[in-house]
């Protein structure tokens, strides 16, 4: 998605993201994501359930997330938190 597209859950424009070829991407565990953000796994699973965080990729019983998708989500959170009422 680019800055002109919107997420499916609202009409707020998404921050630009970089598309990374899957074989050049990395898989992240929930433990890594929670350590990186300081937020709990319970909070992330609620976001996933609400469609506000990328769905996990299942490898048997293990769940992993693409680093590029997590980075894009973080970038979007930064973008959203720094917007003014004028949209800049």
N, C-alpha and C. Protein backbone atom coordinates (compact mmCIF):
# COMPACT_ATOMS: atom_id res chain seq x y z
N UNK A 1 0.83 -1.19 0.00
CA UNK A 1 0.00 0.00 0.00
C UNK A 1 0.87 1.24 0.00
N UNK A 2 0.41 2.26 -0.66
CA UNK A 2 1.13 3.52 -0.61
C UNK A 2 0.32 4.54 0.17
N UNK A 3 0.81 5.77 0.24
CA UNK A 3 0.19 6.80 1.08
C UNK A 3 -1.21 7.17 0.62
N UNK A 4 -1.57 6.84 -0.61
CA UNK A 4 -2.90 7.19 -1.09
C UNK A 4 -3.94 6.13 -0.78
N UNK A 5 -3.50 4.95 -0.35
CA UNK A 5 -4.43 3.89 -0.01
C UNK A 5 -4.81 3.99 1.45
N UNK A 6 -5.91 3.35 1.81
CA UNK A 6 -6.37 3.37 3.19
C UNK A 6 -6.46 1.97 3.73
N UNK A 7 -6.41 1.86 5.04
CA UNK A 7 -6.57 0.56 5.67
C UNK A 7 -8.03 0.16 5.59
N UNK A 8 -8.31 -1.16 5.76
CA UNK A 8 -9.67 -1.64 5.66
C UNK A 8 -10.51 -1.28 6.87
N UNK A 9 -9.89 -0.92 7.98
CA UNK A 9 -10.66 -0.65 9.20
C UNK A 9 -11.04 0.82 9.37
N UNK A 10 -10.42 1.72 8.61
CA UNK A 10 -10.76 3.13 8.71
C UNK A 10 -10.35 3.85 7.43
N UNK A 11 -10.57 5.15 7.39
CA UNK A 11 -10.24 5.88 6.18
C UNK A 11 -9.01 6.76 6.34
N UNK A 12 -8.16 6.48 7.32
CA UNK A 12 -6.94 7.24 7.53
C UNK A 12 -5.89 6.77 6.51
N UNK A 13 -5.26 7.69 5.78
CA UNK A 13 -4.23 7.28 4.82
C UNK A 13 -3.09 6.56 5.53
N UNK A 14 -2.55 5.55 4.89
CA UNK A 14 -1.45 4.79 5.46
C UNK A 14 -0.13 5.43 5.09
N UNK A 15 0.84 5.30 5.97
CA UNK A 15 2.19 5.80 5.70
C UNK A 15 2.81 4.96 4.59
N UNK A 16 3.70 5.55 3.80
CA UNK A 16 4.36 4.78 2.76
C UNK A 16 5.14 3.61 3.35
N UNK A 17 5.18 2.50 2.65
CA UNK A 17 5.95 1.35 3.10
C UNK A 17 6.81 0.85 1.95
N UNK A 18 7.80 0.06 2.28
CA UNK A 18 8.69 -0.50 1.29
C UNK A 18 8.38 -1.97 1.15
N UNK A 19 8.15 -2.41 -0.08
CA UNK A 19 7.88 -3.81 -0.33
C UNK A 19 9.20 -4.57 -0.38
N UNK A 20 9.31 -5.61 0.45
CA UNK A 20 10.54 -6.40 0.54
C UNK A 20 10.25 -7.79 -0.01
N UNK A 21 11.09 -8.30 -0.93
CA UNK A 21 10.90 -9.67 -1.39
C UNK A 21 10.92 -10.64 -0.21
N UNK A 22 10.02 -11.61 -0.22
CA UNK A 22 9.88 -12.53 0.91
C UNK A 22 11.20 -13.20 1.27
N UNK A 23 11.97 -13.61 0.30
CA UNK A 23 13.22 -14.31 0.60
C UNK A 23 14.28 -13.39 1.20
N UNK A 24 14.07 -12.07 1.10
CA UNK A 24 14.99 -11.12 1.72
C UNK A 24 14.46 -10.60 3.05
N UNK A 25 13.25 -11.00 3.41
CA UNK A 25 12.62 -10.57 4.65
C UNK A 25 13.05 -11.51 5.78
N UNK A 26 12.67 -11.18 7.00
CA UNK A 26 12.96 -12.04 8.15
C UNK A 26 11.65 -12.33 8.87
N UNK A 27 11.63 -13.44 9.60
CA UNK A 27 10.48 -13.79 10.41
C UNK A 27 10.76 -13.41 11.86
N UNK A 28 9.80 -12.75 12.49
CA UNK A 28 9.94 -12.32 13.88
C UNK A 28 8.98 -13.09 14.78
N UNK A 29 9.44 -13.42 15.96
CA UNK A 29 8.59 -14.08 16.95
C UNK A 29 7.84 -13.03 17.77
N UNK A 30 6.79 -13.46 18.45
CA UNK A 30 6.06 -12.55 19.34
C UNK A 30 6.98 -12.08 20.46
N UNK A 31 7.85 -12.95 20.94
CA UNK A 31 8.79 -12.55 22.00
C UNK A 31 9.65 -11.37 21.53
N UNK A 32 10.12 -11.43 20.30
CA UNK A 32 10.92 -10.33 19.76
C UNK A 32 10.09 -9.06 19.65
N UNK A 33 8.87 -9.19 19.14
CA UNK A 33 8.00 -8.03 18.94
C UNK A 33 7.66 -7.36 20.27
N UNK A 34 7.37 -8.16 21.30
CA UNK A 34 7.04 -7.59 22.61
C UNK A 34 8.27 -6.94 23.24
N UNK A 35 9.44 -7.54 23.05
CA UNK A 35 10.66 -6.94 23.59
C UNK A 35 10.96 -5.62 22.86
N UNK A 36 10.77 -5.61 21.56
CA UNK A 36 11.02 -4.41 20.75
C UNK A 36 10.13 -3.25 21.16
N UNK A 37 8.84 -3.54 21.38
CA UNK A 37 7.87 -2.47 21.63
C UNK A 37 7.61 -2.19 23.10
N UNK A 38 7.88 -3.17 23.96
CA UNK A 38 7.55 -3.01 25.37
C UNK A 38 6.08 -3.25 25.66
N UNK A 39 5.34 -3.75 24.67
CA UNK A 39 3.92 -4.04 24.83
C UNK A 39 3.73 -5.54 25.01
N UNK A 40 2.59 -5.93 25.57
CA UNK A 40 2.37 -7.35 25.88
C UNK A 40 1.85 -8.14 24.68
N UNK A 41 2.09 -9.45 24.72
CA UNK A 41 1.56 -10.31 23.67
C UNK A 41 0.04 -10.30 23.67
N UNK A 42 -0.57 -10.21 24.83
CA UNK A 42 -2.02 -10.15 24.92
C UNK A 42 -2.56 -8.95 24.15
N UNK A 43 -1.89 -7.80 24.28
CA UNK A 43 -2.30 -6.59 23.58
C UNK A 43 -2.20 -6.79 22.07
N UNK A 44 -1.10 -7.42 21.60
CA UNK A 44 -0.94 -7.67 20.17
C UNK A 44 -1.99 -8.63 19.64
N UNK A 45 -2.30 -9.70 20.40
CA UNK A 45 -3.30 -10.65 19.94
C UNK A 45 -4.68 -10.01 19.86
N UNK A 46 -4.97 -9.04 20.72
CA UNK A 46 -6.23 -8.28 20.63
C UNK A 46 -6.22 -7.43 19.36
N UNK A 47 -5.09 -6.79 19.06
CA UNK A 47 -4.98 -6.01 17.82
C UNK A 47 -5.17 -6.90 16.59
N UNK A 48 -4.59 -8.09 16.62
CA UNK A 48 -4.75 -9.03 15.51
C UNK A 48 -6.22 -9.39 15.34
N UNK A 49 -6.87 -9.69 16.46
CA UNK A 49 -8.29 -10.05 16.43
C UNK A 49 -9.13 -8.90 15.86
N UNK A 50 -8.74 -7.67 16.16
CA UNK A 50 -9.47 -6.48 15.69
C UNK A 50 -9.04 -6.04 14.29
N UNK A 51 -8.10 -6.76 13.67
CA UNK A 51 -7.63 -6.41 12.34
C UNK A 51 -6.71 -5.21 12.31
N UNK A 52 -6.05 -4.90 13.43
CA UNK A 52 -5.20 -3.72 13.53
C UNK A 52 -3.71 -4.04 13.59
N UNK A 53 -3.36 -5.31 13.47
CA UNK A 53 -1.97 -5.76 13.44
C UNK A 53 -1.92 -6.92 12.46
N UNK A 54 -0.81 -7.08 11.74
CA UNK A 54 -0.73 -8.15 10.74
C UNK A 54 -1.03 -9.54 11.31
N UNK A 55 -1.70 -10.35 10.53
CA UNK A 55 -1.96 -11.73 10.90
C UNK A 55 -0.64 -12.50 10.95
N UNK A 56 -0.52 -13.47 11.86
CA UNK A 56 0.71 -14.27 11.91
C UNK A 56 0.78 -15.25 10.75
N UNK A 57 1.99 -15.66 10.45
CA UNK A 57 2.24 -16.74 9.51
C UNK A 57 2.49 -17.97 10.36
N UNK A 58 1.73 -19.03 10.14
CA UNK A 58 1.82 -20.22 10.97
C UNK A 58 2.81 -21.22 10.37
N UNK A 59 3.70 -21.70 11.22
CA UNK A 59 4.61 -22.79 10.90
C UNK A 59 4.34 -23.87 11.93
N UNK A 60 3.41 -24.76 11.63
CA UNK A 60 2.99 -25.74 12.63
C UNK A 60 2.31 -25.01 13.77
N UNK A 61 2.84 -25.17 14.97
CA UNK A 61 2.28 -24.49 16.14
C UNK A 61 2.91 -23.12 16.39
N UNK A 62 3.94 -22.80 15.63
CA UNK A 62 4.64 -21.52 15.81
C UNK A 62 4.02 -20.42 14.95
N UNK A 63 4.01 -19.22 15.49
CA UNK A 63 3.54 -18.05 14.76
C UNK A 63 4.70 -17.09 14.56
N UNK A 64 4.81 -16.57 13.36
CA UNK A 64 5.85 -15.59 13.05
C UNK A 64 5.24 -14.47 12.22
N UNK A 65 5.91 -13.32 12.24
CA UNK A 65 5.47 -12.15 11.49
C UNK A 65 6.62 -11.71 10.60
N UNK A 66 6.28 -11.20 9.41
CA UNK A 66 7.31 -10.66 8.53
C UNK A 66 7.83 -9.35 9.12
N UNK A 67 9.14 -9.23 9.17
CA UNK A 67 9.77 -8.02 9.69
C UNK A 67 9.27 -6.79 8.95
N UNK A 68 9.12 -6.89 7.63
CA UNK A 68 8.66 -5.74 6.84
C UNK A 68 7.26 -5.30 7.23
N UNK A 69 6.37 -6.25 7.57
CA UNK A 69 5.02 -5.90 7.98
C UNK A 69 5.00 -5.27 9.36
N UNK A 70 5.83 -5.77 10.27
CA UNK A 70 5.92 -5.18 11.61
C UNK A 70 6.51 -3.78 11.52
N UNK A 71 7.55 -3.62 10.71
CA UNK A 71 8.13 -2.28 10.52
C UNK A 71 7.12 -1.32 9.93
N UNK A 72 6.34 -1.78 8.97
CA UNK A 72 5.31 -0.94 8.36
C UNK A 72 4.26 -0.53 9.40
N UNK A 73 3.87 -1.47 10.26
CA UNK A 73 2.90 -1.17 11.32
C UNK A 73 3.46 -0.12 12.28
N UNK A 74 4.72 -0.28 12.67
CA UNK A 74 5.37 0.69 13.57
C UNK A 74 5.46 2.05 12.89
N UNK A 75 5.87 2.05 11.62
CA UNK A 75 5.95 3.29 10.85
C UNK A 75 4.59 3.99 10.80
N UNK A 76 3.53 3.20 10.61
CA UNK A 76 2.18 3.75 10.57
C UNK A 76 1.80 4.37 11.92
N UNK A 77 2.14 3.69 13.02
CA UNK A 77 1.84 4.22 14.36
C UNK A 77 2.56 5.55 14.58
N UNK A 78 3.81 5.65 14.14
CA UNK A 78 4.56 6.89 14.27
C UNK A 78 3.90 7.97 13.42
N UNK A 79 3.57 7.64 12.19
CA UNK A 79 2.90 8.58 11.28
C UNK A 79 1.60 9.09 11.89
N UNK A 80 0.76 8.18 12.38
CA UNK A 80 -0.53 8.56 12.97
C UNK A 80 -0.35 9.44 14.20
N UNK A 81 0.65 9.14 15.02
CA UNK A 81 0.82 9.89 16.26
C UNK A 81 1.39 11.28 16.04
N UNK A 82 1.97 11.51 14.87
CA UNK A 82 2.60 12.81 14.61
C UNK A 82 1.80 13.68 13.66
N UNK A 83 0.67 13.20 13.20
CA UNK A 83 -0.17 14.00 12.32
C UNK A 83 -0.82 15.12 13.12
N UNK A 84 -1.03 16.24 12.47
CA UNK A 84 -1.78 17.34 13.09
C UNK A 84 -3.22 17.25 12.63
N UNK A 85 -4.06 18.07 13.19
CA UNK A 85 -5.46 18.09 12.77
C UNK A 85 -5.61 18.49 11.32
N UNK A 86 -4.62 19.19 10.77
CA UNK A 86 -4.67 19.60 9.37
C UNK A 86 -4.28 18.46 8.43
N UNK A 87 -3.88 17.32 9.00
CA UNK A 87 -3.49 16.19 8.17
C UNK A 87 -2.04 16.16 7.76
N UNK A 88 -1.22 17.00 8.37
CA UNK A 88 0.21 17.04 8.03
C UNK A 88 1.04 16.45 9.13
